[in-house]
Protein backbone atom coordinates (compact mmCIF):
# COMPACT_ATOMS: atom_id res chain seq x y z
CA MET A 1 0.17 0.01 0.26
CA ASN A 2 1.44 3.55 -0.62
CA ALA A 3 0.64 5.97 2.01
CA GLN A 4 -2.43 7.47 -0.34
CA GLU A 5 -3.85 4.32 0.04
CA LYS A 6 -3.40 3.29 4.10
CA ILE A 7 -4.75 6.83 5.52
CA ILE A 8 -7.47 7.31 2.53
CA THR A 9 -8.35 3.21 3.94
CA ARG A 10 -8.07 4.69 7.75
CA LEU A 11 -9.57 7.41 7.17
CA ASN A 12 -13.42 5.75 5.26
CA GLN A 13 -12.84 3.76 8.98
CA ASN A 14 -13.76 6.67 10.39
CA LEU A 15 -10.29 6.65 12.92
CA HIS A 16 -8.93 9.85 12.35
CA ILE A 17 -6.67 9.84 15.60
CA CYS A 18 -2.52 10.32 14.92
CA VAL A 19 -0.76 9.32 17.32
CA GLY A 20 2.20 11.66 18.12
CA LEU A 21 4.98 10.03 19.96
CA ASP A 22 6.87 12.75 21.23
CA SER A 23 8.23 9.79 23.34
CA ASP A 24 10.41 12.50 26.87
CA ILE A 25 12.46 9.64 29.06
CA GLU A 26 12.00 13.14 31.12
CA LYS A 27 8.04 12.07 31.45
CA ILE A 28 7.23 8.14 30.30
CA PRO A 29 6.18 5.95 33.50
CA LYS A 30 8.97 5.68 36.02
CA HIS A 31 9.43 1.88 36.01
CA LEU A 32 10.42 1.85 31.87
CA LEU A 33 13.53 3.07 33.34
CA ASN A 34 14.49 -0.37 34.40
CA TYR A 35 14.55 -1.17 30.39
CA ASN A 36 17.93 -1.03 28.20
CA GLU A 37 15.66 1.16 25.99
CA PRO A 38 13.22 2.77 27.88
CA ILE A 39 11.95 4.97 25.02
CA LEU A 40 11.43 2.13 23.13
CA GLU A 41 9.83 0.26 24.94
CA PHE A 42 6.92 3.54 25.77
CA ASN A 43 6.40 4.09 21.63
CA LYS A 44 5.98 -0.76 21.79
CA ILE A 45 3.51 -0.12 24.28
CA ILE A 46 1.80 2.86 23.36
CA ILE A 47 1.62 1.24 19.36
CA GLU A 48 0.97 -2.46 20.74
CA ASN A 49 -2.67 -0.45 22.31
CA THR A 50 -3.30 1.91 20.23
CA TYR A 51 -2.77 0.47 16.00
CA GLN A 52 -6.18 -0.66 16.03
CA PHE A 53 -7.79 2.55 16.28
CA ALA A 54 -4.72 5.12 14.95
CA ALA A 55 -5.08 6.54 11.41
CA ALA A 56 -1.33 7.02 11.84
CA TYR A 57 1.24 7.63 13.89
CA LYS A 58 4.41 11.02 13.87
CA ILE A 59 6.91 10.45 14.86
CA ASN A 60 8.55 14.15 16.23
CA PHE A 61 12.15 13.15 15.84
CA ALA A 62 13.04 16.46 17.83
CA PHE A 63 13.12 13.36 20.51
CA TYR A 64 15.03 11.37 18.98
CA GLU A 65 17.73 12.86 17.26
CA LYS A 66 19.23 14.87 20.52
CA TYR A 67 20.19 11.03 21.32
CA GLY A 68 22.42 11.46 18.28
CA ALA A 69 23.03 8.08 16.21
CA LYS A 70 21.02 6.40 19.28
CA GLY A 71 17.80 8.61 18.41
CA PHE A 72 17.67 7.80 14.69
CA GLU A 73 18.50 3.61 15.71
CA ILE A 74 15.11 4.04 17.65
CA ILE A 75 13.66 5.85 15.01
CA LYS A 76 13.77 3.18 13.07
CA GLN A 77 13.28 -0.02 15.81
CA THR A 78 10.09 1.86 16.52
CA LEU A 79 8.88 1.59 12.92
CA GLU A 80 9.12 -1.89 12.77
CA PHE A 81 6.02 -1.75 15.58
CA ILE A 82 3.94 -0.06 13.45
CA PRO A 83 1.94 -2.25 10.83
CA ASP A 84 2.81 -1.70 7.43
CA ASN A 85 -1.25 -0.56 6.47
CA ILE A 86 -0.41 2.56 8.87
CA LEU A 87 0.65 5.87 7.96
CA THR A 88 3.87 7.05 9.38
CA ILE A 89 4.95 11.03 10.05
CA ALA A 90 8.16 12.21 10.30
CA ASP A 91 7.59 15.50 12.37
CA ALA A 92 11.22 16.52 11.04
CA LYS A 93 9.66 19.85 9.30
CA ARG A 94 12.78 19.90 6.33
CA GLY A 95 12.50 22.53 3.45
CA ASP A 96 15.71 23.15 1.74
CA ILE A 97 17.55 24.22 -1.31
CA GLY A 98 16.79 21.83 -3.56
CA ASN A 99 19.57 19.79 -4.26
CA THR A 100 19.92 19.90 0.36
CA SER A 101 16.05 18.92 0.19
CA GLU A 102 16.77 16.32 -1.60
CA MET A 103 18.86 14.27 0.97
CA TYR A 104 16.82 14.52 3.18
CA ALA A 105 13.95 13.09 1.11
CA LYS A 106 16.22 10.22 0.35
CA ALA A 107 16.86 9.79 4.75
CA ILE A 108 13.05 10.17 4.94
CA PHE A 109 11.44 8.36 2.65
CA ASP A 110 14.24 5.53 1.22
CA GLU A 111 16.17 5.12 4.44
CA LEU A 112 14.12 5.48 7.25
CA SER A 113 11.19 4.23 5.40
CA PHE A 114 8.34 7.18 6.15
CA ASP A 115 5.01 7.27 4.57
CA ALA A 116 4.98 11.06 4.80
CA ILE A 117 6.75 13.80 6.36
CA THR A 118 6.14 17.17 7.46
CA LEU A 119 7.82 20.61 5.84
CA HIS A 120 8.12 24.15 6.19
CA PRO A 121 7.44 26.31 3.17
CA TYR A 122 9.46 29.64 3.08
CA MET A 123 12.85 28.13 0.45
CA GLY A 124 9.40 27.16 -1.49
CA TYR A 125 9.38 25.80 -4.35
CA ASP A 126 12.46 24.32 -4.71
CA SER A 127 12.72 23.13 -1.89
CA LEU A 128 10.18 20.80 -1.93
CA ASN A 129 9.86 19.74 -5.98
CA PRO A 130 12.64 16.52 -4.77
CA PHE A 131 9.65 15.80 -1.15
CA PHE A 132 6.71 16.23 -3.95
CA SER A 133 8.71 13.73 -6.32
CA TYR A 134 7.57 11.46 -4.65
CA LYS A 135 4.32 10.22 -5.97
CA ASP A 136 3.59 7.77 -3.12
CA LYS A 137 4.70 9.43 -0.23
CA ILE A 138 2.33 12.25 1.63
CA ASN A 139 4.10 16.01 2.20
CA PHE A 140 2.44 17.93 5.08
CA LEU A 141 3.27 22.04 4.20
CA LEU A 142 3.33 23.70 7.63
CA ALA A 143 -0.34 26.73 6.64
CA LEU A 144 -1.05 27.80 10.06
CA THR A 145 0.76 25.83 13.44
CA SER A 146 -1.54 25.73 16.73
CA ASN A 147 1.27 28.16 18.28
CA ASN A 148 1.86 31.42 19.79
CA GLY A 149 3.90 32.39 17.63
CA ALA A 150 2.15 31.73 14.21
CA GLU A 151 1.42 35.51 14.19
CA ASP A 152 4.55 36.19 13.82
CA PHE A 153 4.40 35.44 9.83
CA GLU A 154 1.73 33.08 9.28
CA LYS A 155 -0.17 35.57 10.05
CA LEU A 156 1.16 38.49 8.17
CA LYS A 157 -0.96 39.79 5.94
CA THR A 158 0.17 40.51 2.31
CA ILE A 159 -0.48 43.38 -0.64
CA ASP A 160 -3.03 41.35 -1.37
CA GLY A 161 -4.87 41.16 1.86
CA ASN A 162 -4.53 38.09 2.22
CA PHE A 163 -2.78 36.31 5.32
CA VAL A 164 0.73 34.33 5.00
CA PHE A 165 -0.48 30.79 5.53
CA GLN A 166 -3.85 31.17 2.99
CA HIS A 167 -0.63 31.91 0.37
CA VAL A 168 0.89 28.80 1.50
CA ILE A 169 -2.60 26.93 1.28
CA LYS A 170 -3.17 27.77 -2.37
CA LYS A 171 0.11 27.81 -3.63
CA THR A 172 -0.35 24.12 -1.98
CA ASN A 173 -3.39 22.62 -4.19
CA GLU A 174 -1.71 24.67 -6.99
CA TRP A 175 1.59 21.99 -6.98
CA ASN A 176 -0.91 18.89 -5.92
CA LYS A 177 -0.27 17.57 -9.42
CA ASN A 178 -0.06 14.33 -7.85
CA LYS A 179 -3.06 14.03 -5.19
CA ASN A 180 0.62 14.18 -2.83
CA LEU A 181 0.19 17.16 -0.67
CA GLY A 182 -0.87 18.49 2.49
CA ILE A 183 -1.05 20.92 4.97
CA VAL A 184 -0.92 21.47 8.89
CA PHE A 185 -3.65 23.48 10.42
CA GLY A 186 -3.25 24.20 13.81
CA ALA A 187 -6.73 22.67 16.10
CA THR A 188 -6.39 25.82 18.62
CA LYS A 189 -6.96 28.03 14.90
CA ILE A 190 -10.45 27.18 14.89
CA GLU A 191 -11.80 30.14 13.75
CA GLU A 192 -9.19 30.75 10.99
CA LEU A 193 -10.08 26.29 10.16
CA LYS A 194 -14.14 27.45 9.86
CA GLU A 195 -13.20 30.65 7.41
CA ASN A 196 -10.20 28.56 4.98
CA ILE A 197 -11.49 24.97 4.98
CA ASN A 198 -13.19 25.24 1.53
CA SER A 199 -9.53 25.99 0.02
CA PHE A 200 -7.93 22.94 1.46
CA TYR A 201 -10.31 21.13 -1.79
CA ASP A 202 -8.54 17.75 -1.50
CA LEU A 203 -4.86 18.63 0.89
CA PHE A 204 -4.81 16.18 3.49
CA ILE A 205 -5.21 17.44 6.67
CA LEU A 206 -3.17 17.18 9.89
CA LEU A 207 -3.90 19.59 12.84
CA PRO A 208 -2.21 19.34 15.92
CA GLY A 209 -2.58 20.75 19.17
CA VAL A 210 -6.10 19.59 20.64
CA GLY A 211 -5.42 18.17 24.63
CA ALA A 212 -1.99 19.92 26.11
CA GLN A 213 -2.85 22.76 23.46
CA GLY A 214 -5.91 23.57 24.37
CA GLY A 215 -7.58 22.63 20.90
CA SER A 216 -11.25 21.00 20.71
CA LEU A 217 -12.10 17.88 19.89
CA ASP A 218 -15.63 18.85 19.65
CA GLU A 219 -15.45 22.02 17.74
CA VAL A 220 -12.70 20.38 14.59
CA VAL A 221 -14.80 17.12 14.13
CA SER A 222 -17.63 19.48 13.38
CA VAL A 223 -15.97 22.17 11.13
CA PHE A 224 -15.59 18.99 9.38
CA ASN A 225 -18.09 16.89 9.52
CA LYS A 226 -20.58 20.81 8.55
CA ASN A 227 -18.12 21.14 5.29
CA LYS A 228 -18.78 17.11 4.54
CA MET A 229 -15.13 16.68 4.48
CA ASN A 230 -13.44 13.65 5.90
CA ASN A 231 -10.10 14.36 4.84
CA TYR A 232 -8.15 14.95 8.47
CA LEU A 233 -5.81 13.31 10.66
CA ILE A 234 -6.56 15.08 14.58
CA ASN A 235 -3.20 14.76 16.20
CA ILE A 236 -2.34 13.85 19.49
CA SER A 237 0.76 13.57 22.18
CA ARG A 238 0.93 14.32 25.40
CA GLY A 239 -2.63 14.38 26.00
CA LEU A 240 -2.93 10.49 24.96
CA ILE A 241 0.57 9.26 25.63
CA TYR A 242 1.45 10.37 29.55
CA SER A 243 -2.36 9.94 30.15
CA ASP A 244 -1.50 7.74 32.48
CA ASP A 245 1.99 7.09 34.74
CA THR A 246 1.11 3.08 36.34
CA ILE A 247 2.18 0.00 35.14
CA ASN A 248 -0.62 0.19 33.43
CA PHE A 249 -0.19 3.18 31.11
CA GLY A 250 -0.71 0.82 27.50
CA ASN A 251 -4.49 -0.43 29.18
CA PHE A 252 -4.93 3.03 29.82
CA ILE A 253 -4.16 4.85 26.71
CA LYS A 254 -6.24 2.06 24.40
CA LYS A 255 -9.34 3.15 26.28
CA ILE A 256 -8.80 6.82 25.72
CA ILE A 257 -8.40 6.39 21.97
CA ILE A 258 -11.34 4.05 21.87
CA GLU A 259 -12.91 7.07 23.92
CA HIS A 260 -11.38 9.43 21.38
CA ASN A 261 -13.21 7.28 17.80
CA GLU A 262 -16.28 7.27 19.68
CA LEU A 263 -16.91 11.16 20.23
CA ILE A 264 -15.75 11.45 17.13
CA GLN A 265 -18.48 9.76 16.08
CA LYS A 266 -21.19 10.83 18.07
CA ILE A 267 -20.02 14.65 16.91
CA ASP A 268 -22.61 16.31 14.41
CA ILE A 269 -22.50 19.62 12.77
């Protein structure tokens, strides 16, 4: 299955939760510190308890790169735990001049075999095209992010009266010739979501910010339901993976993701 088939299959099953593996050794259950690789064991237990109910997994590179070569080995081993039919997203936020991006793309898609990646678009098309050329992968471009700093650049108005993030969405649609593009749009920006959702068309939408950052699952799902759109992933990281710190944390996380899925199915317009 290519990346598009993986995500569409899960979305058609009404599965929309992307599990964010922002795995921090300072926050994982303390009993795991007795293992040789505590982070790897933590990820393994989360995946074992969520893979039936998750639409995707997003691995935040920052939490692994801090360990250098060992961190990349943990990423590779974590990917082995994820079933082949579930989308894997490298939250690496790459984007550089063309030949550099080509190397990044080879690292993420060829060496590590991720299905998707997050990219920042501010160096333009030539910095992104090496990723776009992988027609069987998905690329999520940062449009409007969930953090407060989104106001600094993403919400600057340009001379035509539109925001920078709106230009990103427009360009992403123009570049989506292979139907392998999406955008990152913060779940904390609910009013902007309502105002701009009609410009998303057939892009895949990755929405971080539900849970610890204050985004509302109910509100996000309601907006997509109202617009009869099903092409979205709601990423939940800290609000899910650190929801319990006992020896039974895996079962607790399973309970939470099942409850999220049930809630999504019940939400009306």
